[in-house]
Amino acid sequence: MTDSGTGNEFKYIMQDLYKVYFGAKCTYRELMESDETYTRFKALCRHYLVTEVDPDTTLESHLYYMTPSDEAAEVYSGLKARVKLSVPTVKKGLLGREQRLFKEEIWEVEDLMALSAQQKQFRGIVISEVQISKRKLREFSL
């Protein structure tokens, strides 16, 4: 699924012993069709997440506009999903010039949903990755 050098740097599926990592540019359709995606997550997508949004919606877009009252919010909260973000910061450089730097942070999905889409846009937040614990995936009841 990885497409290096074509502008799809945030389109991947990776895993380690404890977590599954999804690039935020992946669509639900791509995740459900990929052999690399856990079967349990595919089932969650079909039963809960794709019922609210189009399968061609990216994780980034869905999480960006998700509110705590959405059904998908309960799913992501139940999975204790974490989101890797790039947050712009302004730093004084040489000669007093301001430089805009991006700092990577990992937030709980609830913290991300606490901000409205307008607040995220105003702060310049960019979602790059969704992290889900394999244990929480196994424990989640369909």
Protein backbone atom coordinates (compact mmCIF):
# COMPACT_ATOMS: atom_id res chain seq x y z
CA MET A 1 0.00 0.00 0.00
CA THR A 2 2.95 2.34 0.48
CA ASP A 3 3.52 4.75 -2.42
CA SER A 4 6.90 6.44 -1.93
CA GLY A 5 7.62 9.65 -3.75
CA THR A 6 4.14 10.17 -5.20
CA GLY A 7 2.81 12.45 -2.48
CA ASN A 8 1.28 9.56 -0.52
CA GLU A 9 3.72 9.54 2.38
CA PHE A 10 0.83 9.23 4.84
CA LYS A 11 -0.75 6.24 3.09
CA TYR A 12 0.49 3.09 4.80
CA ILE A 13 -0.32 0.24 7.17
CA MET A 14 2.34 -0.86 9.65
CA GLN A 15 2.42 -2.84 12.85
CA ASP A 16 4.69 -3.79 15.68
CA LEU A 17 4.14 -6.16 18.59
CA TYR A 18 1.57 -3.94 20.29
CA LYS A 19 0.02 -1.53 17.81
CA VAL A 20 -1.29 -1.12 14.30
CA TYR A 21 -0.46 2.14 12.53
CA PHE A 22 -2.57 3.54 9.71
CA GLY A 23 -1.46 6.48 7.58
CA ALA A 24 -4.12 9.18 7.75
CA LYS A 25 -4.40 9.46 3.96
CA CYS A 26 -5.73 5.87 3.70
CA THR A 27 -9.41 5.57 2.83
CA TYR A 28 -11.70 3.11 4.55
CA ARG A 29 -12.11 1.30 1.22
CA GLU A 30 -8.34 0.85 0.91
CA LEU A 31 -8.11 -0.43 4.46
CA MET A 32 -10.96 -2.91 3.96
CA GLU A 33 -9.46 -4.19 0.71
CA SER A 34 -5.87 -4.49 1.96
CA ASP A 35 -4.44 -7.85 3.02
CA GLU A 36 -2.29 -6.00 5.57
CA THR A 37 -5.28 -4.78 7.60
CA TYR A 38 -6.39 -6.82 10.59
CA THR A 39 -9.60 -8.71 9.88
CA ARG A 40 -11.08 -7.40 13.11
CA PHE A 41 -10.52 -3.78 12.02
CA LYS A 42 -12.09 -4.51 8.64
CA ALA A 43 -15.19 -5.78 10.46
CA LEU A 44 -15.26 -2.64 12.64
CA CYS A 45 -15.06 -0.51 9.51
CA ARG A 46 -17.95 -2.34 7.85
CA HIS A 47 -20.22 -2.44 10.92
CA TYR A 48 -19.63 0.97 12.48
CA LEU A 49 -17.37 3.38 10.62
CA VAL A 50 -18.51 3.13 6.98
CA THR A 51 -22.16 3.37 8.00
CA GLU A 52 -21.64 7.09 8.75
CA VAL A 53 -19.26 8.07 5.96
CA ASP A 54 -18.47 7.15 2.39
CA PRO A 55 -15.91 4.31 2.05
CA ASP A 56 -13.68 6.67 0.06
CA THR A 57 -13.33 9.01 3.06
CA THR A 58 -9.80 9.23 4.43
CA LEU A 59 -9.07 8.62 8.10
CA GLU A 60 -7.72 12.15 8.27
CA SER A 61 -10.93 13.71 6.98
CA HIS A 62 -13.17 11.56 9.15
CA LEU A 63 -11.23 12.29 12.33
CA TYR A 64 -10.88 15.98 11.49
CA TYR A 65 -14.65 16.49 11.37
CA MET A 66 -15.68 13.88 13.95
CA THR A 67 -17.60 15.07 16.98
CA PRO A 68 -17.99 13.28 20.32
CA SER A 69 -21.66 12.56 19.50
CA ASP A 70 -20.84 10.48 16.38
CA GLU A 71 -21.14 6.70 16.56
CA ALA A 72 -17.62 6.39 15.14
CA ALA A 73 -16.35 8.48 18.05
CA GLU A 74 -17.50 5.76 20.44
CA VAL A 75 -15.65 3.16 18.36
CA TYR A 76 -12.39 5.10 18.30
CA SER A 77 -12.74 5.92 22.01
CA GLY A 78 -13.42 2.27 22.82
CA LEU A 79 -10.28 1.32 20.91
CA LYS A 80 -8.30 3.97 22.84
CA ALA A 81 -7.05 5.21 19.48
CA ARG A 82 -4.22 7.69 19.41
CA VAL A 83 -3.53 10.18 16.65
CA LYS A 84 -0.16 11.50 15.52
CA LEU A 85 -0.41 15.19 14.64
CA SER A 86 1.82 17.86 13.27
CA VAL A 87 1.20 21.08 15.16
CA PRO A 88 2.80 24.33 13.95
CA THR A 89 4.81 26.36 16.42
CA VAL A 90 6.48 29.71 15.95
CA LYS A 91 10.09 30.01 17.03
CA LYS A 92 12.28 33.11 17.07
CA GLY A 93 15.19 32.58 14.74
CA LEU A 94 18.28 34.60 14.05
CA LEU A 95 17.87 38.36 13.96
CA GLY A 96 14.44 38.07 15.60
CA ARG A 97 12.79 36.45 12.59
CA GLU A 98 9.97 34.08 13.28
CA GLN A 99 10.18 30.56 11.91
CA ARG A 100 7.19 28.29 11.59
CA LEU A 101 8.13 24.77 12.67
CA PHE A 102 5.98 21.68 12.94
CA LYS A 103 6.12 19.64 16.12
CA GLU A 104 4.85 16.07 16.12
CA GLU A 105 2.56 15.17 19.00
CA ILE A 106 0.51 12.10 19.83
CA TRP A 107 -2.96 12.81 21.20
CA GLU A 108 -5.78 10.65 22.46
CA VAL A 109 -8.66 10.68 19.99
CA GLU A 110 -10.91 12.26 22.63
CA ASP A 111 -8.59 15.26 22.88
CA LEU A 112 -8.72 15.70 19.12
CA MET A 113 -12.53 15.50 19.06
CA ALA A 114 -12.74 18.11 21.83
CA LEU A 115 -11.64 20.67 19.24
CA SER A 116 -14.02 21.73 16.51
CA ALA A 117 -12.94 21.53 12.87
CA GLN A 118 -12.60 25.31 12.84
CA GLN A 119 -10.29 25.22 15.90
CA LYS A 120 -8.15 22.51 14.28
CA GLN A 121 -7.94 24.54 11.10
CA PHE A 122 -7.11 27.75 12.99
CA ARG A 123 -4.31 25.99 14.89
CA GLY A 124 -3.02 24.40 11.65
CA ILE A 125 -3.24 20.84 12.92
CA VAL A 126 -2.39 18.13 10.39
CA ILE A 127 -3.32 14.52 11.15
CA SER A 128 -0.69 12.08 9.91
CA GLU A 129 -1.34 8.72 11.60
CA VAL A 130 -3.86 6.68 13.59
CA GLN A 131 -2.53 4.23 16.17
CA ILE A 132 -4.63 1.40 17.59
CA SER A 133 -3.61 -1.13 20.20
CA LYS A 134 -3.84 -4.75 19.04
CA ARG A 135 -5.10 -5.73 22.49
CA LYS A 136 -7.92 -3.19 22.32
CA LEU A 137 -8.81 -4.47 18.83
CA ARG A 138 -9.11 -8.02 20.21
CA GLU A 139 -11.16 -6.87 23.20
CA PHE A 140 -13.60 -4.73 21.21
CA SER A 141 -16.97 -6.48 20.93
CA LEU A 142 -18.74 -6.38 17.61
